[in-house]
Amino acid sequence: IVGTTLYHHKIDKRQKKRALRALDKIHDYKILHNDIREENILIDEKGYVYLTDFGMSIRNDDKELFNKEKYELSCLLDCYM
């Protein structure tokens, strides 16, 4: 993927939504990334967002864990960025 990480890039609302959608999608498969940080979110030259480095990710079937409100994830991403 040609592009850059978020470490050197100011994320806009559209890219933030795409990152959240990607996280939501992996959560649909009961996968926890466990290492979301700027270096693990890539943006290509067209502005598309990619999650990388799933080395610490785990699969978890705990329904309670995945019933959290989506705004919590959004707050976490806002606070981190």
PDB file of N, CA and C in Angstrom:
ATOM      1  N   ILE A   1       0.853  -1.180   0.000  1.00  0.00           N
ATOM      2  CA  ILE A   1       0.000   0.000   0.000  1.00  0.00           C
ATOM      3  C   ILE A   1       0.895   1.238   0.000  1.00  0.00           C
ATOM      4  N   VAL A   2       0.725   2.054  -0.978  1.00  0.00           N
ATOM      5  CA  VAL A   2       1.448   3.314  -1.024  1.00  0.00           C
ATOM      6  C   VAL A   2       0.678   4.306  -0.173  1.00  0.00           C
ATOM      7  N   GLY A   3       1.357   4.974   0.714  1.00  0.00           N
ATOM      8  CA  GLY A   3       0.677   5.940   1.566  1.00  0.00           C
ATOM      9  C   GLY A   3       1.477   6.219   2.808  1.00  0.00           C
ATOM     10  N   THR A   4       0.792   6.523   3.870  1.00  0.00           N
ATOM     11  CA  THR A   4       1.451   6.890   5.110  1.00  0.00           C
ATOM     12  C   THR A   4       0.624   6.406   6.288  1.00  0.00           C
ATOM     13  N   THR A   5       1.216   6.447   7.468  1.00  0.00           N
ATOM     14  CA  THR A   5       0.477   6.109   8.680  1.00  0.00           C
ATOM     15  C   THR A   5      -0.136   7.381   9.248  1.00  0.00           C
ATOM     16  N   LEU A   6      -1.006   7.212  10.215  1.00  0.00           N
ATOM     17  CA  LEU A   6      -1.613   8.374  10.875  1.00  0.00           C
ATOM     18  C   LEU A   6      -0.596   9.161  11.685  1.00  0.00           C
ATOM     19  N   TYR A   7       0.536   8.548  11.969  1.00  0.00           N
ATOM     20  CA  TYR A   7       1.560   9.210  12.771  1.00  0.00           C
ATOM     21  C   TYR A   7       1.995  10.526  12.121  1.00  0.00           C
ATOM     22  N   HIS A   8       2.000  10.563  10.786  1.00  0.00           N
ATOM     23  CA  HIS A   8       2.428  11.759  10.065  1.00  0.00           C
ATOM     24  C   HIS A   8       1.274  12.412   9.305  1.00  0.00           C
ATOM     25  N   HIS A   9       0.050  12.158   9.720  1.00  0.00           N
ATOM     26  CA  HIS A   9      -1.100  12.594   8.938  1.00  0.00           C
ATOM     27  C   HIS A   9      -2.225  13.030   9.866  1.00  0.00           C
ATOM     28  N   LYS A  10      -2.778  14.182   9.611  1.00  0.00           N
ATOM     29  CA  LYS A  10      -3.945  14.613  10.388  1.00  0.00           C
ATOM     30  C   LYS A  10      -5.169  13.923   9.795  1.00  0.00           C
ATOM     31  N   ILE A  11      -5.895  13.219  10.621  1.00  0.00           N
ATOM     32  CA  ILE A  11      -7.057  12.457  10.155  1.00  0.00           C
ATOM     33  C   ILE A  11      -8.273  13.378  10.063  1.00  0.00           C
ATOM     34  N   ASP A  12      -9.031  13.244   8.983  1.00  0.00           N
ATOM     35  CA  ASP A  12     -10.253  14.030   8.851  1.00  0.00           C
ATOM     36  C   ASP A  12     -11.460  13.166   9.246  1.00  0.00           C
ATOM     37  N   LYS A  13     -12.632  13.770   9.276  1.00  0.00           N
ATOM     38  CA  LYS A  13     -13.836  13.060   9.731  1.00  0.00           C
ATOM     39  C   LYS A  13     -14.148  11.844   8.870  1.00  0.00           C
ATOM     40  N   ARG A  14     -13.971  11.982   7.569  1.00  0.00           N
ATOM     41  CA  ARG A  14     -14.273  10.870   6.662  1.00  0.00           C
ATOM     42  C   ARG A  14     -13.352   9.675   6.949  1.00  0.00           C
ATOM     43  N   GLN A  15     -12.074   9.954   7.159  1.00  0.00           N
ATOM     44  CA  GLN A  15     -11.127   8.880   7.444  1.00  0.00           C
ATOM     45  C   GLN A  15     -11.374   8.280   8.827  1.00  0.00           C
ATOM     46  N   LYS A  16     -11.780   9.121   9.767  1.00  0.00           N
ATOM     47  CA  LYS A  16     -12.105   8.612  11.097  1.00  0.00           C
ATOM     48  C   LYS A  16     -13.290   7.660  11.023  1.00  0.00           C
ATOM     49  N   LYS A  17     -14.306   8.034  10.236  1.00  0.00           N
ATOM     50  CA  LYS A  17     -15.469   7.157  10.062  1.00  0.00           C
ATOM     51  C   LYS A  17     -15.059   5.838   9.421  1.00  0.00           C
ATOM     52  N   ARG A  18     -14.166   5.910   8.447  1.00  0.00           N
ATOM     53  CA  ARG A  18     -13.699   4.681   7.792  1.00  0.00           C
ATOM     54  C   ARG A  18     -12.934   3.794   8.767  1.00  0.00           C
ATOM     55  N   ALA A  19     -12.112   4.393   9.610  1.00  0.00           N
ATOM     56  CA  ALA A  19     -11.376   3.611  10.608  1.00  0.00           C
ATOM     57  C   ALA A  19     -12.346   2.957  11.590  1.00  0.00           C
ATOM     58  N   LEU A  20     -13.352   3.698  12.013  1.00  0.00           N
ATOM     59  CA  LEU A  20     -14.347   3.142  12.930  1.00  0.00           C
ATOM     60  C   LEU A  20     -15.152   2.031  12.277  1.00  0.00           C
ATOM     61  N   ARG A  21     -15.483   2.199  10.986  1.00  0.00           N
ATOM     62  CA  ARG A  21     -16.200   1.136  10.268  1.00  0.00           C
ATOM     63  C   ARG A  21     -15.349  -0.123  10.168  1.00  0.00           C
ATOM     64  N   ALA A  22     -14.057   0.046   9.938  1.00  0.00           N
ATOM     65  CA  ALA A  22     -13.158  -1.109   9.854  1.00  0.00           C
ATOM     66  C   ALA A  22     -13.086  -1.825  11.201  1.00  0.00           C
ATOM     67  N   LEU A  23     -12.987  -1.064  12.287  1.00  0.00           N
ATOM     68  CA  LEU A  23     -12.977  -1.676  13.621  1.00  0.00           C
ATOM     69  C   LEU A  23     -14.301  -2.371  13.906  1.00  0.00           C
ATOM     70  N   ASP A  24     -15.390  -1.727  13.533  1.00  0.00           N
ATOM     71  CA  ASP A  24     -16.708  -2.322  13.732  1.00  0.00           C
ATOM     72  C   ASP A  24     -16.827  -3.632  12.960  1.00  0.00           C
ATOM     73  N   LYS A  25     -16.279  -3.660  11.754  1.00  0.00           N
ATOM     74  CA  LYS A  25     -16.357  -4.868  10.930  1.00  0.00           C
ATOM     75  C   LYS A  25     -15.579  -6.019  11.556  1.00  0.00           C
ATOM     76  N   ILE A  26     -14.380  -5.756  12.065  1.00  0.00           N
ATOM     77  CA  ILE A  26     -13.636  -6.864  12.683  1.00  0.00           C
ATOM     78  C   ILE A  26     -14.314  -7.302  13.976  1.00  0.00           C
ATOM     79  N   HIS A  27     -14.997  -6.379  14.643  1.00  0.00           N
ATOM     80  CA  HIS A  27     -15.749  -6.759  15.842  1.00  0.00           C
ATOM     81  C   HIS A  27     -16.934  -7.647  15.484  1.00  0.00           C
ATOM     82  N   ASP A  28     -17.507  -7.469  14.288  1.00  0.00           N
ATOM     83  CA  ASP A  28     -18.572  -8.372  13.829  1.00  0.00           C
ATOM     84  C   ASP A  28     -18.082  -9.815  13.793  1.00  0.00           C
ATOM     85  N   TYR A  29     -16.799  -9.984  13.541  1.00  0.00           N
ATOM     86  CA  TYR A  29     -16.187 -11.319  13.503  1.00  0.00           C
ATOM     87  C   TYR A  29     -15.597 -11.715  14.858  1.00  0.00           C
ATOM     88  N   LYS A  30     -15.942 -10.931  15.905  1.00  0.00           N
ATOM     89  CA  LYS A  30     -15.496 -11.185  17.282  1.00  0.00           C
ATOM     90  C   LYS A  30     -13.977 -11.126  17.420  1.00  0.00           C
ATOM     91  N   ILE A  31     -13.356 -10.240  16.660  1.00  0.00           N
ATOM     92  CA  ILE A  31     -11.908 -10.060  16.727  1.00  0.00           C
ATOM     93  C   ILE A  31     -11.611  -8.736  17.417  1.00  0.00           C
ATOM     94  N   LEU A  32     -10.737  -8.788  18.407  1.00  0.00           N
ATOM     95  CA  LEU A  32     -10.247  -7.590  19.085  1.00  0.00           C
ATOM     96  C   LEU A  32      -8.844  -7.306  18.572  1.00  0.00           C
ATOM     97  N   HIS A  33      -8.610  -6.120  18.074  1.00  0.00           N
ATOM     98  CA  HIS A  33      -7.310  -5.771  17.501  1.00  0.00           C
ATOM     99  C   HIS A  33      -6.232  -5.700  18.582  1.00  0.00           C
ATOM    100  N   ASN A  34      -6.499  -5.041  19.677  1.00  0.00           N
ATOM    101  CA  ASN A  34      -5.615  -4.920  20.841  1.00  0.00           C
ATOM    102  C   ASN A  34      -4.365  -4.082  20.631  1.00  0.00           C
ATOM    103  N   ASP A  35      -4.221  -3.423  19.495  1.00  0.00           N
ATOM    104  CA  ASP A  35      -3.035  -2.583  19.281  1.00  0.00           C
ATOM    105  C   ASP A  35      -3.370  -1.413  18.353  1.00  0.00           C
ATOM    106  N   ILE A  36      -4.523  -0.787  18.580  1.00  0.00           N
ATOM    107  CA  ILE A  36      -4.900   0.356  17.752  1.00  0.00           C
ATOM    108  C   ILE A  36      -4.073   1.561  18.184  1.00  0.00           C
ATOM    109  N   ARG A  37      -3.296   2.051  17.253  1.00  0.00           N
ATOM    110  CA  ARG A  37      -2.492   3.260  17.448  1.00  0.00           C
ATOM    111  C   ARG A  37      -2.195   3.829  16.072  1.00  0.00           C
ATOM    112  N   GLU A  38      -1.668   5.030  16.043  1.00  0.00           N
ATOM    113  CA  GLU A  38      -1.472   5.729  14.772  1.00  0.00           C
ATOM    114  C   GLU A  38      -0.660   4.922  13.769  1.00  0.00           C
ATOM    115  N   GLU A  39       0.367   4.243  14.232  1.00  0.00           N
ATOM    116  CA  GLU A  39       1.247   3.500  13.334  1.00  0.00           C
ATOM    117  C   GLU A  39       0.560   2.303  12.690  1.00  0.00           C
ATOM    118  N   ASN A  40      -0.562   1.851  13.243  1.00  0.00           N
ATOM    119  CA  ASN A  40      -1.254   0.668  12.735  1.00  0.00           C
ATOM    120  C   ASN A  40      -2.499   0.999  11.915  1.00  0.00           C
ATOM    121  N   ILE A  41      -2.691   2.263  11.610  1.00  0.00           N
ATOM    122  CA  ILE A  41      -3.774   2.685  10.726  1.00  0.00           C
ATOM    123  C   ILE A  41      -3.125   3.388   9.543  1.00  0.00           C
ATOM    124  N   LEU A  42      -3.260   2.793   8.360  1.00  0.00           N
ATOM    125  CA  LEU A  42      -2.636   3.337   7.159  1.00  0.00           C
ATOM    126  C   LEU A  42      -3.667   4.058   6.302  1.00  0.00           C
ATOM    127  N   ILE A  43      -3.209   5.061   5.580  1.00  0.00           N
ATOM    128  CA  ILE A  43      -4.051   5.809   4.656  1.00  0.00           C
ATOM    129  C   ILE A  43      -3.340   5.833   3.307  1.00  0.00           C
ATOM    130  N   ASP A  44      -4.027   5.389   2.251  1.00  0.00           N
ATOM    131  CA  ASP A  44      -3.397   5.414   0.927  1.00  0.00           C
ATOM    132  C   ASP A  44      -3.582   6.784   0.279  1.00  0.00           C
ATOM    133  N   GLU A  45      -3.040   6.936  -0.930  1.00  0.00           N
ATOM    134  CA  GLU A  45      -3.072   8.246  -1.584  1.00  0.00           C
ATOM    135  C   GLU A  45      -4.480   8.698  -1.952  1.00  0.00           C
ATOM    136  N   LYS A  46      -5.438   7.774  -1.979  1.00  0.00           N
ATOM    137  CA  LYS A  46      -6.834   8.140  -2.251  1.00  0.00           C
ATOM    138  C   LYS A  46      -7.613   8.424  -0.966  1.00  0.00           C
ATOM    139  N   GLY A  47      -6.974   8.257   0.188  1.00  0.00           N
ATOM    140  CA  GLY A  47      -7.627   8.522   1.461  1.00  0.00           C
ATOM    141  C   GLY A  47      -8.289   7.322   2.100  1.00  0.00           C
ATOM    142  N   TYR A  48      -8.125   6.135   1.497  1.00  0.00           N
ATOM    143  CA  TYR A  48      -8.711   4.935   2.084  1.00  0.00           C
ATOM    144  C   TYR A  48      -7.900   4.497   3.298  1.00  0.00           C
ATOM    145  N   VAL A  49      -8.588   3.979   4.291  1.00  0.00           N
ATOM    146  CA  VAL A  49      -7.984   3.615   5.570  1.00  0.00           C
ATOM    147  C   VAL A  49      -7.848   2.103   5.672  1.00  0.00           C
ATOM    148  N   TYR A  50      -6.703   1.649   6.188  1.00  0.00           N
ATOM    149  CA  TYR A  50      -6.435   0.222   6.370  1.00  0.00           C
ATOM    150  C   TYR A  50      -5.924  -0.020   7.784  1.00  0.00           C
ATOM    151  N   LEU A  51      -6.471  -1.035   8.438  1.00  0.00           N
ATOM    152  CA  LEU A  51      -5.951  -1.463   9.730  1.00  0.00           C
ATOM    153  C   LEU A  51      -4.852  -2.486   9.484  1.00  0.00           C
ATOM    154  N   THR A  52      -3.762  -2.373  10.222  1.00  0.00           N
ATOM    155  CA  THR A  52      -2.649  -3.306  10.061  1.00  0.00           C
ATOM    156  C   THR A  52      -2.205  -3.833  11.416  1.00  0.00           C
ATOM    157  N   ASP A  53      -1.252  -4.730  11.389  1.00  0.00           N
ATOM    158  CA  ASP A  53      -0.607  -5.308  12.568  1.00  0.00           C
ATOM    159  C   ASP A  53      -1.618  -5.983  13.494  1.00  0.00           C
ATOM    160  N   PHE A  54      -2.104  -7.118  13.049  1.00  0.00           N
ATOM    161  CA  PHE A  54      -3.045  -7.898  13.841  1.00  0.00           C
ATOM    162  C   PHE A  54      -2.322  -8.921  14.719  1.00  0.00           C
ATOM    163  N   GLY A  55      -1.031  -8.710  14.960  1.00  0.00           N
ATOM    164  CA  GLY A  55      -0.235  -9.660  15.738  1.00  0.00           C
ATOM    165  C   GLY A  55      -0.717  -9.847  17.168  1.00  0.00           C
ATOM    166  N   MET A  56      -1.310  -8.833  17.759  1.00  0.00           N
ATOM    167  CA  MET A  56      -1.801  -8.934  19.138  1.00  0.00           C
ATOM    168  C   MET A  56      -3.304  -9.174  19.189  1.00  0.00           C
ATOM    169  N   SER A  57      -3.939  -9.328  18.033  1.00  0.00           N
ATOM    170  CA  SER A  57      -5.396  -9.489  18.014  1.00  0.00           C
ATOM    171  C   SER A  57      -5.802 -10.852  18.564  1.00  0.00           C
ATOM    172  N   ILE A  58      -7.013 -10.888  19.099  1.00  0.00           N
ATOM    173  CA  ILE A  58      -7.556 -12.141  19.627  1.00  0.00           C
ATOM    174  C   ILE A  58      -8.996 -12.286  19.161  1.00  0.00           C
ATOM    175  N   ARG A  59      -9.438 -13.508  19.117  1.00  0.00           N
ATOM    176  CA  ARG A  59     -10.847 -13.785  18.841  1.00  0.00           C
ATOM    177  C   ARG A  59     -11.513 -14.011  20.187  1.00  0.00           C
ATOM    178  N   ASN A  60     -12.642 -13.367  20.393  1.00  0.00           N
ATOM    179  CA  ASN A  60     -13.328 -13.460  21.670  1.00  0.00           C
ATOM    180  C   ASN A  60     -14.823 -13.592  21.419  1.00  0.00           C
ATOM    181  N   ASP A  61     -15.412 -14.641  21.930  1.00  0.00           N
ATOM    182  CA  ASP A  61     -16.846 -14.871  21.749  1.00  0.00           C
ATOM    183  C   ASP A  61     -17.681 -14.372  22.925  1.00  0.00           C
ATOM    184  N   ASP A  62     -17.082 -13.597  23.821  1.00  0.00           N
ATOM    185  CA  ASP A  62     -17.794 -13.059  24.975  1.00  0.00           C
ATOM    186  C   ASP A  62     -18.811 -12.019  24.497  1.00  0.00           C
ATOM    187  N   LYS A  63     -20.096 -12.361  24.531  1.00  0.00           N
ATOM    188  CA  LYS A  63     -21.143 -11.471  24.013  1.00  0.00           C
ATOM    189  C   LYS A  63     -21.203 -10.159  24.778  1.00  0.00           C
ATOM    190  N   GLU A  64     -20.967 -10.193  26.069  1.00  0.00           N
ATOM    191  CA  GLU A  64     -21.021  -8.972  26.875  1.00  0.00           C
ATOM    192  C   GLU A  64     -19.972  -7.965  26.395  1.00  0.00           C
ATOM    193  N   LEU A  65     -18.815  -8.461  26.034  1.00  0.00           N
ATOM    194  CA  LEU A  65     -17.741  -7.590  25.571  1.00  0.00           C
ATOM    195  C   LEU A  65     -18.130  -6.853  24.295  1.00  0.00           C
ATOM    196  N   PHE A  66     -18.861  -7.508  23.415  1.00  0.00           N
ATOM    197  CA  PHE A  66     -19.211  -6.914  22.134  1.00  0.00           C
ATOM    198  C   PHE A  66     -20.568  -6.229  22.144  1.00  0.00           C
ATOM    199  N   ASN A  67     -21.216  -6.104  23.283  1.00  0.00           N
ATOM    200  CA  ASN A  67     -22.487  -5.394  23.372  1.00  0.00           C
ATOM    201  C   ASN A  67     -22.310  -3.957  23.850  1.00  0.00           C
ATOM    202  N   LYS A  68     -21.083  -3.488  23.926  1.00  0.00           N
ATOM    203  CA  LYS A  68     -20.822  -2.113  24.351  1.00  0.00           C
ATOM    204  C   LYS A  68     -21.355  -1.149  23.294  1.00  0.00           C
ATOM    205  N   GLU A  69     -21.709   0.037  23.737  1.00  0.00           N
ATOM    206  CA  GLU A  69     -22.211   1.046  22.807  1.00  0.00           C
ATOM    207  C   GLU A  69     -21.091   1.494  21.870  1.00  0.00           C
ATOM    208  N   LYS A  70     -21.438   1.783  20.632  1.00  0.00           N
ATOM    209  CA  LYS A  70     -20.426   2.171  19.647  1.00  0.00           C
ATOM    210  C   LYS A  70     -19.792   3.516  19.973  1.00  0.00           C
ATOM    211  N   TYR A  71     -20.500   4.379  20.706  1.00  0.00           N
ATOM    212  CA  TYR A  71     -19.915   5.673  21.017  1.00  0.00           C
ATOM    213  C   TYR A  71     -18.682   5.523  21.886  1.00  0.00           C
ATOM    214  N   GLU A  72     -18.578   4.440  22.671  1.00  0.00           N
ATOM    215  CA  GLU A  72     -17.390   4.231  23.493  1.00  0.00           C
ATOM    216  C   GLU A  72     -16.164   4.076  22.612  1.00  0.00           C
ATOM    217  N   LEU A  73     -16.292   3.354  21.518  1.00  0.00           N
ATOM    218  CA  LEU A  73     -15.193   3.173  20.584  1.00  0.00           C
ATOM    219  C   LEU A  73     -14.835   4.502  19.932  1.00  0.00           C
ATOM    220  N   SER A  74     -15.854   5.275  19.574  1.00  0.00           N
ATOM    221  CA  SER A  74     -15.617   6.576  18.963  1.00  0.00           C
ATOM    222  C   SER A  74     -14.881   7.496  19.928  1.00  0.00           C
ATOM    223  N   CYS A  75     -15.287   7.491  21.194  1.00  0.00           N
ATOM    224  CA  CYS A  75     -14.616   8.314  22.200  1.00  0.00           C
ATOM    225  C   CYS A  75     -13.168   7.890  22.361  1.00  0.00           C
ATOM    226  N   LEU A  76     -12.941   6.605  22.369  1.00  0.00           N
ATOM    227  CA  LEU A  76     -11.584   6.098  22.520  1.00  0.00           C
ATOM    228  C   LEU A  76     -10.711   6.575  21.366  1.00  0.00           C
ATOM    229  N   LEU A  77     -11.212   6.476  20.145  1.00  0.00           N
ATOM    230  CA  LEU A  77     -10.437   6.905  18.987  1.00  0.00           C
ATOM    231  C   LEU A  77     -10.210   8.412  19.025  1.00  0.00           C
ATOM    232  N   ASP A  78     -11.229   9.193  19.391  1.00  0.00           N
ATOM    233  CA  ASP A  78     -11.074  10.641  19.504  1.00  0.00           C
ATOM    234  C   ASP A  78     -10.017  11.004  20.536  1.00  0.00           C
ATOM    235  N   CYS A  79     -10.057  10.350  21.681  1.00  0.00           N
ATOM    236  CA  CYS A  79      -9.105  10.652  22.750  1.00  0.00           C
ATOM    237  C   CYS A  79      -7.686  10.303  22.336  1.00  0.00           C
ATOM    238  N   TYR A  80      -7.546   9.205  21.607  1.00  0.00           N
ATOM    239  CA  TYR A  80      -6.216   8.770  21.222  1.00  0.00           C
ATOM    240  C   TYR A  80      -5.632   9.649  20.134  1.00  0.00           C
ATOM    241  N   MET A  81      -6.455  10.057  19.193  1.00  0.00           N
ATOM    242  CA  MET A  81      -5.959  10.829  18.064  1.00  0.00           C
ATOM    243  C   MET A  81      -5.750  12.261  18.518  1.00  0.00           C
TER     244      MET A  81
END
